[in-house]
Protein backbone atom coordinates (compact mmCIF):
# COMPACT_ATOMS: atom_id res chain seq x y z
CA UNK A 1 -139.96 -115.73 67.72
CA UNK A 2 -142.69 -114.18 69.83
CA UNK A 3 -146.30 -114.70 68.87
CA UNK A 4 -148.34 -111.90 67.36
CA UNK A 5 -150.00 -111.28 70.71
CA UNK A 6 -146.71 -111.09 72.59
CA UNK A 7 -145.72 -107.41 72.41
CA UNK A 8 -148.77 -105.96 74.15
CA UNK A 9 -149.19 -108.99 76.42
CA UNK A 10 -145.52 -108.89 77.39
CA UNK A 11 -145.77 -105.25 78.39
CA UNK A 12 -148.78 -105.96 80.59
CA UNK A 13 -147.13 -108.96 82.23
CA UNK A 14 -144.02 -106.95 83.05
CA UNK A 15 -146.16 -104.23 84.59
CA UNK A 16 -148.10 -106.70 86.69
CA UNK A 17 -145.07 -108.51 88.07
CA UNK A 18 -143.04 -105.39 88.79
CA UNK A 19 -140.19 -106.24 86.39
CA UNK A 20 -138.05 -103.14 85.79
CA UNK A 21 -137.42 -104.09 82.15
CA UNK A 22 -140.87 -102.97 81.09
CA UNK A 23 -141.24 -101.26 77.77
CA UNK A 24 -143.50 -98.41 78.05
CA UNK A 25 -143.00 -94.89 78.98
CA UNK A 26 -145.31 -89.63 82.17
CA UNK A 27 -144.49 -86.36 82.69
CA UNK A 28 -142.72 -83.57 84.38
CA UNK A 29 -141.34 -80.31 83.17
CA UNK A 30 -137.55 -80.39 83.56
CA UNK A 31 -136.80 -77.82 86.19
CA UNK A 32 -139.73 -78.87 88.39
CA UNK A 33 -140.39 -81.94 90.56
CA UNK A 34 -140.96 -85.24 88.80
CA UNK A 35 -144.39 -86.77 88.43
CA UNK A 36 -143.66 -89.12 91.29
CA UNK A 37 -143.40 -86.12 93.61
CA UNK A 38 -146.48 -84.25 92.45
CA UNK A 39 -149.03 -83.86 95.25
CA UNK A 40 -152.06 -81.92 93.93
CA UNK A 41 -153.81 -79.79 96.52
CA UNK A 42 -157.08 -80.09 94.62
CA UNK A 43 -159.02 -83.18 93.70
CA UNK A 44 -159.27 -83.97 89.96
CA UNK A 45 -162.91 -82.91 89.97
CA UNK A 46 -161.92 -79.47 91.31
CA UNK A 47 -159.08 -78.89 88.87
CA UNK A 48 -159.78 -76.98 85.71
CA UNK A 49 -158.61 -77.90 82.21
CA UNK A 50 -154.88 -78.52 81.94
CA UNK A 51 -152.45 -77.64 79.17
CA UNK A 52 -151.10 -80.73 77.46
CA UNK A 53 -149.33 -82.22 74.48
CA UNK A 54 -149.95 -85.48 72.68
CA UNK A 55 -147.38 -87.60 70.85
CA UNK A 56 -148.23 -90.36 68.40
CA UNK A 57 -145.64 -92.74 66.98
CA UNK A 58 -145.05 -95.99 65.09
CA UNK A 59 -143.52 -98.85 67.13
CA UNK A 60 -141.57 -101.88 65.88
CA UNK A 61 -140.51 -104.41 68.50
CA UNK A 62 -137.00 -105.80 68.09
CA UNK A 63 -138.27 -109.37 68.37
CA UNK A 64 -141.31 -108.98 66.09
CA UNK A 65 -140.53 -106.40 63.38
CA UNK A 66 -143.43 -107.71 61.25
CA UNK A 67 -145.98 -106.81 63.93
CA UNK A 68 -146.25 -102.99 64.04
CA UNK A 69 -147.86 -101.13 66.92
CA UNK A 70 -148.98 -97.57 67.54
CA UNK A 71 -148.23 -95.57 70.65
CA UNK A 72 -150.09 -92.53 71.90
CA UNK A 73 -148.86 -90.62 74.94
CA UNK A 74 -150.55 -87.54 76.41
CA UNK A 75 -148.64 -85.44 78.94
CA UNK A 76 -150.12 -82.62 80.99
CA UNK A 77 -149.02 -80.31 83.73
CA UNK A 78 -149.61 -81.13 87.41
CA UNK A 79 -148.26 -84.65 86.88
CA UNK A 80 -150.92 -86.25 84.70
CA UNK A 81 -150.20 -88.65 81.82
CA UNK A 82 -151.89 -91.28 79.68
CA UNK A 83 -150.48 -94.02 77.44
CA UNK A 84 -152.09 -96.32 74.91
CA UNK A 85 -150.07 -99.01 73.12
CA UNK A 86 -152.01 -101.01 70.53
CA UNK A 87 -151.54 -103.28 67.55
CA UNK A 88 -151.67 -101.58 64.17
CA UNK A 89 -154.27 -101.96 62.84
CA UNK A 90 -155.84 -102.29 66.26
CA UNK A 91 -157.35 -105.70 66.95
CA UNK A 92 -159.86 -106.09 69.77
CA UNK A 93 -158.03 -106.70 73.02
CA UNK A 94 -154.57 -106.06 71.64
CA UNK A 95 -153.88 -102.93 73.60
CA UNK A 96 -152.59 -101.84 76.99
CA UNK A 97 -153.44 -98.60 78.79
CA UNK A 98 -151.66 -96.66 81.48
CA UNK A 99 -153.12 -93.69 83.35
CA UNK A 100 -151.27 -91.41 85.75
CA UNK A 101 -153.85 -89.37 87.64
CA UNK A 102 -153.74 -87.60 90.97
CA UNK A 103 -150.52 -89.33 92.01
CA UNK A 104 -151.72 -92.87 91.22
CA UNK A 105 -150.55 -95.01 88.31
CA UNK A 106 -153.04 -97.48 86.79
CA UNK A 107 -152.67 -100.19 84.16
CA UNK A 108 -155.44 -101.83 82.13
CA UNK A 109 -154.38 -105.16 80.69
CA UNK A 110 -155.15 -106.47 77.19
CA UNK A 111 -158.73 -107.72 76.89
CA UNK A 112 -159.51 -106.24 80.32
CA UNK A 113 -162.01 -103.53 81.20
CA UNK A 114 -160.93 -103.10 84.82
CA UNK A 115 -157.79 -101.19 85.74
CA UNK A 116 -155.33 -102.04 88.50
CA UNK A 117 -153.12 -99.76 90.56
CA UNK A 118 -149.45 -100.17 89.68
CA UNK A 119 -147.06 -99.94 92.62
CA UNK A 120 -143.47 -100.73 93.55
CA UNK A 121 -140.53 -100.93 91.12
CA UNK A 122 -142.77 -101.23 88.04
CA UNK A 123 -144.54 -98.01 88.95
CA UNK A 124 -141.26 -96.11 89.34
CA UNK A 125 -139.95 -97.54 86.08
CA UNK A 126 -143.04 -96.32 84.21
CA UNK A 127 -142.68 -92.86 85.74
CA UNK A 128 -139.03 -92.80 84.65
CA UNK A 129 -140.04 -93.53 81.06
CA UNK A 130 -142.61 -90.75 81.22
CA UNK A 131 -139.98 -88.35 82.57
CA UNK A 132 -137.55 -89.16 79.75
CA UNK A 133 -140.20 -88.58 77.13
CA UNK A 134 -141.32 -85.34 78.69
CA UNK A 135 -137.76 -84.02 78.60
CA UNK A 136 -137.36 -84.91 74.91
CA UNK A 137 -140.81 -83.79 73.76
CA UNK A 138 -140.21 -80.43 75.49
CA UNK A 139 -136.60 -80.06 74.36
CA UNK A 140 -135.75 -76.48 73.50
CA UNK A 141 -138.13 -75.02 76.08
CA UNK A 142 -137.02 -73.53 79.35
CA UNK A 143 -135.62 -76.39 81.44
CA UNK A 144 -132.62 -75.84 83.69
CA UNK A 145 -129.94 -78.35 82.65
CA UNK A 146 -126.53 -78.30 84.30
CA UNK A 147 -123.40 -78.68 82.17
CA UNK A 148 -121.05 -81.47 83.24
CA UNK A 149 -117.68 -79.70 83.85
CA UNK A 150 -115.81 -82.77 82.62
CA UNK A 151 -117.83 -83.07 79.40
CA UNK A 152 -119.27 -79.98 77.65
CA UNK A 153 -121.60 -82.20 75.58
CA UNK A 154 -123.29 -83.62 78.65
CA UNK A 155 -126.30 -82.10 80.43
CA UNK A 156 -127.73 -83.21 83.77
CA UNK A 157 -131.02 -82.46 85.47
CA UNK A 158 -131.35 -83.37 89.15
CA UNK A 159 -134.81 -82.80 90.60
CA UNK A 160 -135.58 -82.73 94.32
CA UNK A 161 -137.22 -86.16 94.01
CA UNK A 162 -136.79 -89.09 91.69
CA UNK A 163 -133.78 -90.04 89.57
CA UNK A 164 -131.53 -87.59 87.80
CA UNK A 165 -131.64 -87.37 84.00
CA UNK A 166 -128.52 -87.38 81.86
CA UNK A 167 -128.38 -86.15 78.24
CA UNK A 168 -125.54 -86.59 75.76
CA UNK A 169 -125.53 -83.97 73.00
CA UNK A 170 -124.29 -84.27 69.45
CA UNK A 171 -121.38 -81.79 69.35
CA UNK A 172 -122.24 -80.84 65.76
CA UNK A 173 -125.96 -80.13 66.20
CA UNK A 174 -126.14 -79.58 69.97
CA UNK A 175 -129.19 -81.88 70.00
CA UNK A 176 -129.62 -84.94 72.23
CA UNK A 177 -128.21 -88.25 71.01
CA UNK A 178 -129.13 -90.21 74.16
CA UNK A 179 -131.05 -89.55 77.34
CA UNK A 180 -131.22 -91.80 80.39
CA UNK A 181 -132.34 -91.97 84.01
CA UNK A 182 -129.51 -92.20 86.51
CA UNK A 183 -131.00 -94.81 88.81
CA UNK A 184 -129.89 -97.01 91.70
CA UNK A 185 -126.96 -99.33 91.30
CA UNK A 186 -127.95 -102.74 90.00
CA UNK A 187 -131.14 -101.57 88.29
CA UNK A 188 -131.33 -101.86 84.48
CA UNK A 189 -130.56 -98.57 82.79
CA UNK A 190 -133.43 -96.83 81.02
CA UNK A 191 -132.38 -94.95 77.90
CA UNK A 192 -133.64 -93.43 74.68
CA UNK A 193 -130.92 -93.75 72.04
CA UNK A 194 -130.26 -93.29 68.30
CA UNK A 195 -132.30 -90.09 68.22
CA UNK A 196 -133.27 -88.39 64.97
CA UNK A 197 -134.44 -84.79 64.74
CA UNK A 198 -136.07 -82.57 62.16
CA UNK A 199 -134.51 -79.16 61.72
CA UNK A 200 -136.65 -76.73 59.78
CA UNK A 201 -137.21 -73.03 60.26
CA UNK A 202 -138.51 -73.53 63.80
CA UNK A 203 -137.22 -75.44 66.84
CA UNK A 204 -135.89 -78.96 66.21
CA UNK A 205 -138.46 -81.73 66.72
CA UNK A 206 -137.77 -85.31 67.73
CA UNK A 207 -138.78 -87.74 64.96
CA UNK A 208 -137.51 -91.11 66.20
CA UNK A 209 -135.42 -93.08 68.69
CA UNK A 210 -134.83 -96.52 70.17
CA UNK A 211 -136.04 -97.54 73.63
CA UNK A 212 -133.40 -99.44 75.59
CA UNK A 213 -133.64 -101.19 78.97
CA UNK A 214 -130.47 -102.69 80.40
CA UNK A 215 -128.47 -103.57 77.31
CA UNK A 216 -131.47 -104.58 75.22
CA UNK A 217 -133.27 -102.50 72.60
CA UNK A 218 -136.96 -103.07 73.27
CA UNK A 219 -138.34 -101.28 70.25
CA UNK A 220 -137.69 -98.67 67.59
CA UNK A 221 -140.00 -95.68 67.47
CA UNK A 222 -140.49 -93.56 64.35
CA UNK A 223 -142.88 -91.14 62.65
CA UNK A 224 -143.28 -89.21 65.89
CA UNK A 225 -145.88 -86.47 65.61
CA UNK A 226 -146.40 -84.09 68.52
CA UNK A 227 -149.53 -82.01 68.86
CA UNK A 228 -149.25 -79.09 71.27
CA UNK A 229 -151.66 -76.48 72.56
CA UNK A 230 -154.19 -78.99 73.88
CA UNK A 231 -156.32 -78.87 76.98
CA UNK A 232 -158.19 -81.61 78.79
CA UNK A 233 -159.84 -82.25 82.10
CA UNK A 234 -158.20 -84.39 84.78
CA UNK A 235 -160.62 -87.27 84.16
CA UNK A 236 -159.06 -87.73 80.72
CA UNK A 237 -156.15 -89.25 82.68
CA UNK A 238 -158.32 -91.47 84.88
CA UNK A 239 -159.25 -95.02 83.78
CA UNK A 240 -162.79 -95.24 82.45
CA UNK A 241 -163.83 -97.71 85.14
CA UNK A 242 -162.76 -95.24 87.85
CA UNK A 243 -164.44 -92.10 86.55
CA UNK A 244 -167.41 -90.56 88.25
CA UNK A 245 -170.56 -90.18 86.18
CA UNK A 246 -170.46 -86.77 84.55
CA UNK A 247 -171.69 -85.00 81.45
CA UNK A 248 -168.48 -82.96 81.24
CA UNK A 249 -166.41 -84.01 78.19
CA UNK A 250 -162.85 -85.21 78.80
CA UNK A 251 -161.59 -85.26 75.21
CA UNK A 252 -158.80 -82.97 74.07
CA UNK A 253 -159.32 -79.78 72.11
CA UNK A 254 -157.18 -76.82 71.02
CA UNK A 255 -156.26 -74.54 73.90
CA UNK A 256 -157.29 -70.88 73.67
CA UNK A 257 -154.58 -68.38 72.90
């Protein structure tokens, strides 16, 4: 049995050593280049407020189901994303942060105030998780998914850069059951599985899933709440220790109509 500090600490250790089995999830709009390929022509200080969404969810690790965590992920256009995974209730130091800003991915370890740049396989793995979440959070929008001729319940998105994304649909509801990155041979598969959806009068909304790396379920995610119509400045996605001094607020707020 893992200790109470293990879930957040394990995530940070995996990020630091470049292990591709890390459990965390950035952003791209299906139908456009992935976040890894985004190359802003403006600096963050020059960019105006960006449209964004924010998803909050309840996390239970497979190995420590009695130690709940909360996850908050903010995804914006132009390839910006932010993740916070923390114990619930949050205990000082029991949290890990990731920031994707201006093409760089940063991680801030538990009990640390200084961020580090994440590179190599761990960086690509994190971007893959962000891409999968973006596709699911934005499901029902205007992405261009190709139908697999051999399987009418399968959809594929292949961007100009980064891995392809494969979705398996429930033939009864036509909603995703699984979604995964099609990555290089020998690398652990990254998948979201066992998806549940709400179907009211409006578009279906994702409410839960399991996060799987290789053949292992890392955690179960539930009570997903997505808030749309937000805006924030680019520095919202930059680690606090790397922000320039400014009086301009970076917090989210409802976007104008």
